[in-house]
Amino acid sequence: MEYIEALSEANGCFICGYIAEPERDKSNFVLWRTAKCLVVFNRFPYNNGHLLIAPTRHIEGLGEATDDELLELVKLCRDCQTALSAAISPHDFNIGMNFGR
């Protein structure tokens, strides 16, 4: 509930905050940074291994993403799936996309 209630108070994008503060990667659960994206353990996971993969450039939707950003996002999905398979052997994977708040 604390997380949900804080959404109405949030200023800006938390991912943009993480991008701007690489020195806080450990406390922000940032696992991986690439030239165009970052991978974050979800602070409030739905399931074990719930990761967030986001472009480092703030965009509103996929229509604004460059081909290089799209390729890197998909490659990170693949690489995260490989890492999670090795680490926790999940039965399946769900990949979703969120746009906006």
PDB file of N, CA and C in Angstrom:
ATOM      1  N   MET A   1       0.817  -1.190   0.000  1.00  0.00           N
ATOM      2  CA  MET A   1       0.000   0.000   0.000  1.00  0.00           C
ATOM      3  C   MET A   1       0.867   1.262   0.000  1.00  0.00           C
ATOM      4  N   GLU A   2       1.975   1.204   0.705  1.00  0.00           N
ATOM      5  CA  GLU A   2       2.863   2.366   0.741  1.00  0.00           C
ATOM      6  C   GLU A   2       3.269   2.776  -0.674  1.00  0.00           C
ATOM      7  N   TYR A   3       3.599   1.789  -1.495  1.00  0.00           N
ATOM      8  CA  TYR A   3       3.997   2.054  -2.874  1.00  0.00           C
ATOM      9  C   TYR A   3       2.848   2.673  -3.658  1.00  0.00           C
ATOM     10  N   ILE A   4       1.662   2.100  -3.562  1.00  0.00           N
ATOM     11  CA  ILE A   4       0.505   2.590  -4.311  1.00  0.00           C
ATOM     12  C   ILE A   4       0.153   4.014  -3.890  1.00  0.00           C
ATOM     13  N   GLU A   5       0.159   4.276  -2.593  1.00  0.00           N
ATOM     14  CA  GLU A   5      -0.154   5.620  -2.111  1.00  0.00           C
ATOM     15  C   GLU A   5       0.896   6.627  -2.551  1.00  0.00           C
ATOM     16  N   ALA A   6       2.144   6.198  -2.654  1.00  0.00           N
ATOM     17  CA  ALA A   6       3.218   7.107  -3.055  1.00  0.00           C
ATOM     18  C   ALA A   6       3.130   7.498  -4.525  1.00  0.00           C
ATOM     19  N   LEU A   7       2.413   6.711  -5.332  1.00  0.00           N
ATOM     20  CA  LEU A   7       2.309   7.037  -6.756  1.00  0.00           C
ATOM     21  C   LEU A   7       1.684   8.404  -6.975  1.00  0.00           C
ATOM     22  N   SER A   8       0.700   8.765  -6.153  1.00  0.00           N
ATOM     23  CA  SER A   8       0.049  10.060  -6.338  1.00  0.00           C
ATOM     24  C   SER A   8       0.965  11.209  -5.938  1.00  0.00           C
ATOM     25  N   GLU A   9       2.005  10.920  -5.170  1.00  0.00           N
ATOM     26  CA  GLU A   9       2.931  11.949  -4.723  1.00  0.00           C
ATOM     27  C   GLU A   9       4.182  12.021  -5.581  1.00  0.00           C
ATOM     28  N   ALA A  10       4.360  11.046  -6.436  1.00  0.00           N
ATOM     29  CA  ALA A  10       5.607  10.931  -7.197  1.00  0.00           C
ATOM     30  C   ALA A  10       5.773  12.085  -8.169  1.00  0.00           C
ATOM     31  N   ASN A  11       6.975  12.611  -8.194  1.00  0.00           N
ATOM     32  CA  ASN A  11       7.330  13.641  -9.165  1.00  0.00           C
ATOM     33  C   ASN A  11       8.321  13.034 -10.138  1.00  0.00           C
ATOM     34  N   GLY A  12       7.980  13.021 -11.386  1.00  0.00           N
ATOM     35  CA  GLY A  12       8.894  12.516 -12.389  1.00  0.00           C
ATOM     36  C   GLY A  12       8.905  11.007 -12.481  1.00  0.00           C
ATOM     37  N   CYS A  13       9.816  10.535 -13.253  1.00  0.00           N
ATOM     38  CA  CYS A  13       9.947   9.115 -13.572  1.00  0.00           C
ATOM     39  C   CYS A  13      11.052   8.503 -12.713  1.00  0.00           C
ATOM     40  N   PHE A  14      10.732   7.435 -11.991  1.00  0.00           N
ATOM     41  CA  PHE A  14      11.755   6.825 -11.134  1.00  0.00           C
ATOM     42  C   PHE A  14      12.888   6.223 -11.961  1.00  0.00           C
ATOM     43  N   ILE A  15      12.577   5.729 -13.155  1.00  0.00           N
ATOM     44  CA  ILE A  15      13.626   5.174 -14.015  1.00  0.00           C
ATOM     45  C   ILE A  15      14.617   6.274 -14.402  1.00  0.00           C
ATOM     46  N   CYS A  16      14.105   7.452 -14.735  1.00  0.00           N
ATOM     47  CA  CYS A  16      14.999   8.568 -15.063  1.00  0.00           C
ATOM     48  C   CYS A  16      15.884   8.910 -13.864  1.00  0.00           C
ATOM     49  N   GLY A  17      15.319   8.813 -12.665  1.00  0.00           N
ATOM     50  CA  GLY A  17      16.108   9.035 -11.454  1.00  0.00           C
ATOM     51  C   GLY A  17      17.225   8.019 -11.320  1.00  0.00           C
ATOM     52  N   TYR A  18      16.924   6.760 -11.604  1.00  0.00           N
ATOM     53  CA  TYR A  18      17.936   5.707 -11.535  1.00  0.00           C
ATOM     54  C   TYR A  18      19.035   5.950 -12.575  1.00  0.00           C
ATOM     55  N   ILE A  19      18.638   6.363 -13.762  1.00  0.00           N
ATOM     56  CA  ILE A  19      19.597   6.605 -14.834  1.00  0.00           C
ATOM     57  C   ILE A  19      20.571   7.716 -14.434  1.00  0.00           C
ATOM     58  N   ALA A  20      20.052   8.731 -13.759  1.00  0.00           N
ATOM     59  CA  ALA A  20      20.863   9.886 -13.375  1.00  0.00           C
ATOM     60  C   ALA A  20      21.777   9.614 -12.189  1.00  0.00           C
ATOM     61  N   GLU A  21      21.567   8.501 -11.474  1.00  0.00           N
ATOM     62  CA  GLU A  21      22.339   8.237 -10.261  1.00  0.00           C
ATOM     63  C   GLU A  21      23.012   6.861 -10.286  1.00  0.00           C
ATOM     64  N   PRO A  22      23.957   6.642 -11.196  1.00  0.00           N
ATOM     65  CA  PRO A  22      24.590   5.319 -11.269  1.00  0.00           C
ATOM     66  C   PRO A  22      25.289   4.918  -9.975  1.00  0.00           C
ATOM     67  N   GLU A  23      25.694   5.884  -9.177  1.00  0.00           N
ATOM     68  CA  GLU A  23      26.346   5.564  -7.905  1.00  0.00           C
ATOM     69  C   GLU A  23      25.389   4.896  -6.912  1.00  0.00           C
ATOM     70  N   ARG A  24      24.086   4.975  -7.175  1.00  0.00           N
ATOM     71  CA  ARG A  24      23.087   4.362  -6.304  1.00  0.00           C
ATOM     72  C   ARG A  24      22.501   3.079  -6.900  1.00  0.00           C
ATOM     73  N   ASP A  25      23.186   2.500  -7.875  1.00  0.00           N
ATOM     74  CA  ASP A  25      22.661   1.302  -8.532  1.00  0.00           C
ATOM     75  C   ASP A  25      22.334   0.198  -7.530  1.00  0.00           C
ATOM     76  N   LYS A  26      23.194  -0.032  -6.560  1.00  0.00           N
ATOM     77  CA  LYS A  26      22.955  -1.112  -5.609  1.00  0.00           C
ATOM     78  C   LYS A  26      21.663  -0.874  -4.827  1.00  0.00           C
ATOM     79  N   SER A  27      21.479   0.304  -4.282  1.00  0.00           N
ATOM     80  CA  SER A  27      20.277   0.578  -3.484  1.00  0.00           C
ATOM     81  C   SER A  27      19.023   0.690  -4.347  1.00  0.00           C
ATOM     82  N   ASN A  28      19.186   0.986  -5.631  1.00  0.00           N
ATOM     83  CA  ASN A  28      18.050   1.054  -6.559  1.00  0.00           C
ATOM     84  C   ASN A  28      17.797  -0.271  -7.276  1.00  0.00           C
ATOM     85  N   PHE A  29      18.588  -1.287  -6.965  1.00  0.00           N
ATOM     86  CA  PHE A  29      18.452  -2.618  -7.564  1.00  0.00           C
ATOM     87  C   PHE A  29      18.698  -2.628  -9.065  1.00  0.00           C
ATOM     88  N   VAL A  30      19.539  -1.712  -9.536  1.00  0.00           N
ATOM     89  CA  VAL A  30      19.923  -1.710 -10.953  1.00  0.00           C
ATOM     90  C   VAL A  30      20.947  -2.816 -11.147  1.00  0.00           C
ATOM     91  N   LEU A  31      20.620  -3.776 -11.999  1.00  0.00           N
ATOM     92  CA  LEU A  31      21.488  -4.930 -12.219  1.00  0.00           C
ATOM     93  C   LEU A  31      22.444  -4.759 -13.382  1.00  0.00           C
ATOM     94  N   TRP A  32      22.000  -3.993 -14.385  1.00  0.00           N
ATOM     95  CA  TRP A  32      22.726  -4.000 -15.649  1.00  0.00           C
ATOM     96  C   TRP A  32      22.459  -2.692 -16.371  1.00  0.00           C
ATOM     97  N   ARG A  33      23.497  -2.097 -16.872  1.00  0.00           N
ATOM     98  CA  ARG A  33      23.396  -0.905 -17.710  1.00  0.00           C
ATOM     99  C   ARG A  33      24.058  -1.193 -19.041  1.00  0.00           C
ATOM    100  N   THR A  34      23.408  -0.797 -20.105  1.00  0.00           N
ATOM    101  CA  THR A  34      24.016  -0.875 -21.430  1.00  0.00           C
ATOM    102  C   THR A  34      24.022   0.541 -21.997  1.00  0.00           C
ATOM    103  N   ALA A  35      24.446   0.667 -23.223  1.00  0.00           N
ATOM    104  CA  ALA A  35      24.515   1.990 -23.841  1.00  0.00           C
ATOM    105  C   ALA A  35      23.140   2.640 -23.959  1.00  0.00           C
ATOM    106  N   LYS A  36      22.083   1.832 -24.119  1.00  0.00           N
ATOM    107  CA  LYS A  36      20.760   2.396 -24.376  1.00  0.00           C
ATOM    108  C   LYS A  36      19.678   1.958 -23.396  1.00  0.00           C
ATOM    109  N   CYS A  37      19.996   1.052 -22.467  1.00  0.00           N
ATOM    110  CA  CYS A  37      18.969   0.502 -21.569  1.00  0.00           C
ATOM    111  C   CYS A  37      19.535   0.200 -20.185  1.00  0.00           C
ATOM    112  N   LEU A  38      18.622  -0.078 -19.264  1.00  0.00           N
ATOM    113  CA  LEU A  38      19.030  -0.618 -17.985  1.00  0.00           C
ATOM    114  C   LEU A  38      18.037  -1.667 -17.531  1.00  0.00           C
ATOM    115  N   VAL A  39      18.528  -2.567 -16.673  1.00  0.00           N
ATOM    116  CA  VAL A  39      17.724  -3.648 -16.119  1.00  0.00           C
ATOM    117  C   VAL A  39      17.688  -3.457 -14.614  1.00  0.00           C
ATOM    118  N   VAL A  40      16.476  -3.508 -14.056  1.00  0.00           N
ATOM    119  CA  VAL A  40      16.275  -3.254 -12.635  1.00  0.00           C
ATOM    120  C   VAL A  40      15.432  -4.371 -12.036  1.00  0.00           C
ATOM    121  N   PHE A  41      15.830  -4.868 -10.856  1.00  0.00           N
ATOM    122  CA  PHE A  41      14.935  -5.734 -10.101  1.00  0.00           C
ATOM    123  C   PHE A  41      13.768  -4.889  -9.642  1.00  0.00           C
ATOM    124  N   ASN A  42      12.565  -5.359  -9.843  1.00  0.00           N
ATOM    125  CA  ASN A  42      11.382  -4.626  -9.403  1.00  0.00           C
ATOM    126  C   ASN A  42      11.374  -4.569  -7.877  1.00  0.00           C
ATOM    127  N   ARG A  43      11.258  -3.380  -7.332  1.00  0.00           N
ATOM    128  CA  ARG A  43      11.236  -3.174  -5.883  1.00  0.00           C
ATOM    129  C   ARG A  43       9.996  -3.814  -5.250  1.00  0.00           C
ATOM    130  N   PHE A  44       8.920  -3.886  -5.996  1.00  0.00           N
ATOM    131  CA  PHE A  44       7.662  -4.470  -5.527  1.00  0.00           C
ATOM    132  C   PHE A  44       7.227  -5.545  -6.526  1.00  0.00           C
ATOM    133  N   PRO A  45       7.925  -6.693  -6.521  1.00  0.00           N
ATOM    134  CA  PRO A  45       7.699  -7.697  -7.576  1.00  0.00           C
ATOM    135  C   PRO A  45       6.359  -8.404  -7.464  1.00  0.00           C
ATOM    136  N   TYR A  46       5.826  -8.752  -8.616  1.00  0.00           N
ATOM    137  CA  TYR A  46       4.637  -9.590  -8.691  1.00  0.00           C
ATOM    138  C   TYR A  46       5.029 -11.049  -8.478  1.00  0.00           C
ATOM    139  N   ASN A  47       6.196 -11.419  -8.983  1.00  0.00           N
ATOM    140  CA  ASN A  47       6.707 -12.788  -8.910  1.00  0.00           C
ATOM    141  C   ASN A  47       8.210 -12.734  -8.687  1.00  0.00           C
ATOM    142  N   ASN A  48       8.786 -13.878  -8.286  1.00  0.00           N
ATOM    143  CA  ASN A  48      10.240 -13.965  -8.176  1.00  0.00           C
ATOM    144  C   ASN A  48      10.867 -13.672  -9.535  1.00  0.00           C
ATOM    145  N   GLY A  49      11.963 -12.933  -9.513  1.00  0.00           N
ATOM    146  CA  GLY A  49      12.671 -12.632 -10.751  1.00  0.00           C
ATOM    147  C   GLY A  49      12.034 -11.549 -11.589  1.00  0.00           C
ATOM    148  N   HIS A  50      11.109 -10.766 -11.017  1.00  0.00           N
ATOM    149  CA  HIS A  50      10.423  -9.719 -11.784  1.00  0.00           C
ATOM    150  C   HIS A  50      11.408  -8.585 -12.076  1.00  0.00           C
ATOM    151  N   LEU A  51      11.728  -8.414 -13.343  1.00  0.00           N
ATOM    152  CA  LEU A  51      12.674  -7.396 -13.779  1.00  0.00           C
ATOM    153  C   LEU A  51      11.975  -6.325 -14.596  1.00  0.00           C
ATOM    154  N   LEU A  52      12.540  -5.136 -14.556  1.00  0.00           N
ATOM    155  CA  LEU A  52      12.112  -4.034 -15.410  1.00  0.00           C
ATOM    156  C   LEU A  52      13.257  -3.738 -16.363  1.00  0.00           C
ATOM    157  N   ILE A  53      12.946  -3.667 -17.635  1.00  0.00           N
ATOM    158  CA  ILE A  53      13.942  -3.330 -18.648  1.00  0.00           C
ATOM    159  C   ILE A  53      13.443  -2.064 -19.329  1.00  0.00           C
ATOM    160  N   ALA A  54      14.270  -1.025 -19.303  1.00  0.00           N
ATOM    161  CA  ALA A  54      13.816   0.273 -19.807  1.00  0.00           C
ATOM    162  C   ALA A  54      14.909   0.944 -20.632  1.00  0.00           C
ATOM    163  N   PRO A  55      14.498   1.710 -21.643  1.00  0.00           N
ATOM    164  CA  PRO A  55      15.488   2.505 -22.373  1.00  0.00           C
ATOM    165  C   PRO A  55      15.996   3.634 -21.474  1.00  0.00           C
ATOM    166  N   THR A  56      17.232   4.036 -21.687  1.00  0.00           N
ATOM    167  CA  THR A  56      17.786   5.133 -20.884  1.00  0.00           C
ATOM    168  C   THR A  56      17.329   6.499 -21.386  1.00  0.00           C
ATOM    169  N   ARG A  57      16.771   6.530 -22.566  1.00  0.00           N
ATOM    170  CA  ARG A  57      16.209   7.780 -23.086  1.00  0.00           C
ATOM    171  C   ARG A  57      14.723   7.762 -22.763  1.00  0.00           C
ATOM    172  N   HIS A  58      14.245   8.842 -22.144  1.00  0.00           N
ATOM    173  CA  HIS A  58      12.840   8.899 -21.742  1.00  0.00           C
ATOM    174  C   HIS A  58      11.971   9.067 -22.993  1.00  0.00           C
ATOM    175  N   ILE A  59      11.176   8.033 -23.266  1.00  0.00           N
ATOM    176  CA  ILE A  59      10.264   8.076 -24.416  1.00  0.00           C
ATOM    177  C   ILE A  59       8.866   7.705 -23.942  1.00  0.00           C
ATOM    178  N   GLU A  60       7.866   8.170 -24.656  1.00  0.00           N
ATOM    179  CA  GLU A  60       6.475   7.918 -24.275  1.00  0.00           C
ATOM    180  C   GLU A  60       5.959   6.568 -24.767  1.00  0.00           C
ATOM    181  N   GLY A  61       6.531   6.059 -25.849  1.00  0.00           N
ATOM    182  CA  GLY A  61       6.048   4.798 -26.396  1.00  0.00           C
ATOM    183  C   GLY A  61       7.019   4.246 -27.415  1.00  0.00           C
ATOM    184  N   LEU A  62       6.727   3.055 -27.907  1.00  0.00           N
ATOM    185  CA  LEU A  62       7.628   2.393 -28.850  1.00  0.00           C
ATOM    186  C   LEU A  62       7.799   3.167 -30.153  1.00  0.00           C
ATOM    187  N   GLY A  63       6.803   3.941 -30.519  1.00  0.00           N
ATOM    188  CA  GLY A  63       6.896   4.728 -31.741  1.00  0.00           C
ATOM    189  C   GLY A  63       8.029   5.744 -31.714  1.00  0.00           C
ATOM    190  N   GLU A  64       8.466   6.119 -30.520  1.00  0.00           N
ATOM    191  CA  GLU A  64       9.573   7.072 -30.381  1.00  0.00           C
ATOM    192  C   GLU A  64      10.930   6.390 -30.264  1.00  0.00           C
ATOM    193  N   ALA A  65      10.941   5.077 -30.101  1.00  0.00           N
ATOM    194  CA  ALA A  65      12.198   4.344 -29.938  1.00  0.00           C
ATOM    195  C   ALA A  65      12.908   4.198 -31.275  1.00  0.00           C
ATOM    196  N   THR A  66      14.217   4.286 -31.226  1.00  0.00           N
ATOM    197  CA  THR A  66      15.008   4.042 -32.426  1.00  0.00           C
ATOM    198  C   THR A  66      15.125   2.530 -32.634  1.00  0.00           C
ATOM    199  N   ASP A  67      15.530   2.146 -33.834  1.00  0.00           N
ATOM    200  CA  ASP A  67      15.742   0.721 -34.103  1.00  0.00           C
ATOM    201  C   ASP A  67      16.796   0.142 -33.163  1.00  0.00           C
ATOM    202  N   ASP A  68      17.849   0.918 -32.884  1.00  0.00           N
ATOM    203  CA  ASP A  68      18.892   0.447 -31.973  1.00  0.00           C
ATOM    204  C   ASP A  68      18.349   0.241 -30.558  1.00  0.00           C
ATOM    205  N   GLU A  69      17.479   1.144 -30.091  1.00  0.00           N
ATOM    206  CA  GLU A  69      16.879   0.987 -28.762  1.00  0.00           C
ATOM    207  C   GLU A  69      15.981  -0.243 -28.711  1.00  0.00           C
ATOM    208  N   LEU A  70      15.185  -0.427 -29.749  1.00  0.00           N
ATOM    209  CA  LEU A  70      14.295  -1.599 -29.797  1.00  0.00           C
ATOM    210  C   LEU A  70      15.099  -2.896 -29.803  1.00  0.00           C
ATOM    211  N   LEU A  71      16.151  -2.928 -30.584  1.00  0.00           N
ATOM    212  CA  LEU A  71      16.983  -4.121 -30.649  1.00  0.00           C
ATOM    213  C   LEU A  71      17.613  -4.409 -29.288  1.00  0.00           C
ATOM    214  N   GLU A  72      18.116  -3.390 -28.635  1.00  0.00           N
ATOM    215  CA  GLU A  72      18.746  -3.589 -27.331  1.00  0.00           C
ATOM    216  C   GLU A  72      17.726  -4.045 -26.286  1.00  0.00           C
ATOM    217  N   LEU A  73      16.522  -3.502 -26.326  1.00  0.00           N
ATOM    218  CA  LEU A  73      15.473  -3.949 -25.392  1.00  0.00           C
ATOM    219  C   LEU A  73      15.170  -5.432 -25.565  1.00  0.00           C
ATOM    220  N   VAL A  74      15.020  -5.861 -26.802  1.00  0.00           N
ATOM    221  CA  VAL A  74      14.694  -7.266 -27.064  1.00  0.00           C
ATOM    222  C   VAL A  74      15.874  -8.168 -26.703  1.00  0.00           C
ATOM    223  N   LYS A  75      17.087  -7.744 -27.018  1.00  0.00           N
ATOM    224  CA  LYS A  75      18.254  -8.542 -26.650  1.00  0.00           C
ATOM    225  C   LYS A  75      18.358  -8.675 -25.133  1.00  0.00           C
ATOM    226  N   LEU A  76      18.059  -7.613 -24.407  1.00  0.00           N
ATOM    227  CA  LEU A  76      18.095  -7.692 -22.950  1.00  0.00           C
ATOM    228  C   LEU A  76      17.013  -8.626 -22.421  1.00  0.00           C
ATOM    229  N   CYS A  77      15.851  -8.618 -23.041  1.00  0.00           N
ATOM    230  CA  CYS A  77      14.813  -9.592 -22.657  1.00  0.00           C
ATOM    231  C   CYS A  77      15.350 -11.004 -22.803  1.00  0.00           C
ATOM    232  N   ARG A  78      15.983 -11.272 -23.924  1.00  0.00           N
ATOM    233  CA  ARG A  78      16.558 -12.592 -24.170  1.00  0.00           C
ATOM    234  C   ARG A  78      17.626 -12.935 -23.134  1.00  0.00           C
ATOM    235  N   ASP A  79      18.541 -12.002 -22.893  1.00  0.00           N
ATOM    236  CA  ASP A  79      19.638 -12.260 -21.965  1.00  0.00           C
ATOM    237  C   ASP A  79      19.146 -12.412 -20.523  1.00  0.00           C
ATOM    238  N   CYS A  80      18.135 -11.640 -20.152  1.00  0.00           N
ATOM    239  CA  CYS A  80      17.549 -11.771 -18.811  1.00  0.00           C
ATOM    240  C   CYS A  80      16.841 -13.112 -18.667  1.00  0.00           C
ATOM    241  N   GLN A  81      16.163 -13.554 -19.721  1.00  0.00           N
ATOM    242  CA  GLN A  81      15.509 -14.856 -19.684  1.00  0.00           C
ATOM    243  C   GLN A  81      16.550 -15.959 -19.493  1.00  0.00           C
ATOM    244  N   THR A  82      17.661 -15.853 -20.180  1.00  0.00           N
ATOM    245  CA  THR A  82      18.733 -16.835 -20.036  1.00  0.00           C
ATOM    246  C   THR A  82      19.276 -16.836 -18.608  1.00  0.00           C
ATOM    247  N   ALA A  83      19.520 -15.649 -18.052  1.00  0.00           N
ATOM    248  CA  ALA A  83      20.061 -15.550 -16.693  1.00  0.00           C
ATOM    249  C   ALA A  83      19.072 -16.075 -15.656  1.00  0.00           C
ATOM    250  N   LEU A  84      17.801 -15.713 -15.799  1.00  0.00           N
ATOM    251  CA  LEU A  84      16.793 -16.189 -14.843  1.00  0.00           C
ATOM    252  C   LEU A  84      16.594 -17.700 -14.950  1.00  0.00           C
ATOM    253  N   SER A  85      16.667 -18.224 -16.160  1.00  0.00           N
ATOM    254  CA  SER A  85      16.551 -19.686 -16.337  1.00  0.00           C
ATOM    255  C   SER A  85      17.655 -20.401 -15.568  1.00  0.00           C
ATOM    256  N   ALA A  86      18.857 -19.881 -15.666  1.00  0.00           N
ATOM    257  CA  ALA A  86      19.987 -20.494 -14.969  1.00  0.00           C
ATOM    258  C   ALA A  86      19.892 -20.314 -13.455  1.00  0.00           C
ATOM    259  N   ALA A  87      19.388 -19.163 -13.019  1.00  0.00           N
ATOM    260  CA  ALA A  87      19.387 -18.842 -11.592  1.00  0.00           C
ATOM    261  C   ALA A  87      18.233 -19.465 -10.815  1.00  0.00           C
ATOM    262  N   ILE A  88      17.019 -19.419 -11.386  1.00  0.00           N
ATOM    263  CA  ILE A  88      15.859 -19.861 -10.592  1.00  0.00           C
ATOM    264  C   ILE A  88      14.967 -20.874 -11.296  1.00  0.00           C
ATOM    265  N   SER A  89      15.323 -21.264 -12.498  1.00  0.00           N
ATOM    266  CA  SER A  89      14.576 -22.295 -13.253  1.00  0.00           C
ATOM    267  C   SER A  89      13.058 -22.113 -13.210  1.00  0.00           C
ATOM    268  N   PRO A  90      12.562 -20.961 -13.655  1.00  0.00           N
ATOM    269  CA  PRO A  90      11.110 -20.759 -13.618  1.00  0.00           C
ATOM    270  C   PRO A  90      10.390 -21.663 -14.615  1.00  0.00           C
ATOM    271  N   HIS A  91       9.117 -21.894 -14.359  1.00  0.00           N
ATOM    272  CA  HIS A  91       8.308 -22.722 -15.258  1.00  0.00           C
ATOM    273  C   HIS A  91       7.986 -21.993 -16.556  1.00  0.00           C
ATOM    274  N   ASP A  92       7.844 -20.685 -16.465  1.00  0.00           N
ATOM    275  CA  ASP A  92       7.511 -19.905 -17.652  1.00  0.00           C
ATOM    276  C   ASP A  92       7.944 -18.463 -17.465  1.00  0.00           C
ATOM    277  N   PHE A  93       7.739 -17.675 -18.502  1.00  0.00           N
ATOM    278  CA  PHE A  93       8.081 -16.262 -18.491  1.00  0.00           C
ATOM    279  C   PHE A  93       6.893 -15.474 -19.028  1.00  0.00           C
ATOM    280  N   ASN A  94       6.668 -14.321 -18.456  1.00  0.00           N
ATOM    281  CA  ASN A  94       5.683 -13.369 -18.962  1.00  0.00           C
ATOM    282  C   ASN A  94       6.428 -12.085 -19.260  1.00  0.00           C
ATOM    283  N   ILE A  95       6.208 -11.551 -20.424  1.00  0.00           N
ATOM    284  CA  ILE A  95       6.829 -10.288 -20.794  1.00  0.00           C
ATOM    285  C   ILE A  95       5.705  -9.316 -21.110  1.00  0.00           C
ATOM    286  N   GLY A  96       5.703  -8.182 -20.416  1.00  0.00           N
ATOM    287  CA  GLY A  96       4.676  -7.168 -20.629  1.00  0.00           C
ATOM    288  C   GLY A  96       5.335  -5.813 -20.856  1.00  0.00           C
ATOM    289  N   MET A  97       4.551  -4.878 -21.338  1.00  0.00           N
ATOM    290  CA  MET A  97       5.054  -3.528 -21.583  1.00  0.00           C
ATOM    291  C   MET A  97       4.110  -2.533 -20.936  1.00  0.00           C
ATOM    292  N   ASN A  98       4.698  -1.539 -20.301  1.00  0.00           N
ATOM    293  CA  ASN A  98       3.927  -0.469 -19.678  1.00  0.00           C
ATOM    294  C   ASN A  98       4.284   0.852 -20.340  1.00  0.00           C
ATOM    295  N   PHE A  99       3.268   1.635 -20.628  1.00  0.00           N
ATOM    296  CA  PHE A  99       3.463   2.971 -21.189  1.00  0.00           C
ATOM    297  C   PHE A  99       2.677   3.938 -20.347  1.00  0.00           C
ATOM    298  N   GLY A 100       3.276   5.060 -20.020  1.00  0.00           N
ATOM    299  CA  GLY A 100       2.598   6.029 -19.171  1.00  0.00           C
ATOM    300  C   GLY A 100       2.730   5.644 -17.706  1.00  0.00           C
ATOM    301  N   ARG A 101       1.957   6.264 -16.877  1.00  0.00           N
ATOM    302  CA  ARG A 101       2.059   6.059 -15.444  1.00  0.00           C
ATOM    303  C   ARG A 101       1.621   4.673 -15.071  1.00  0.00           C
TER     304      ARG A 101
END
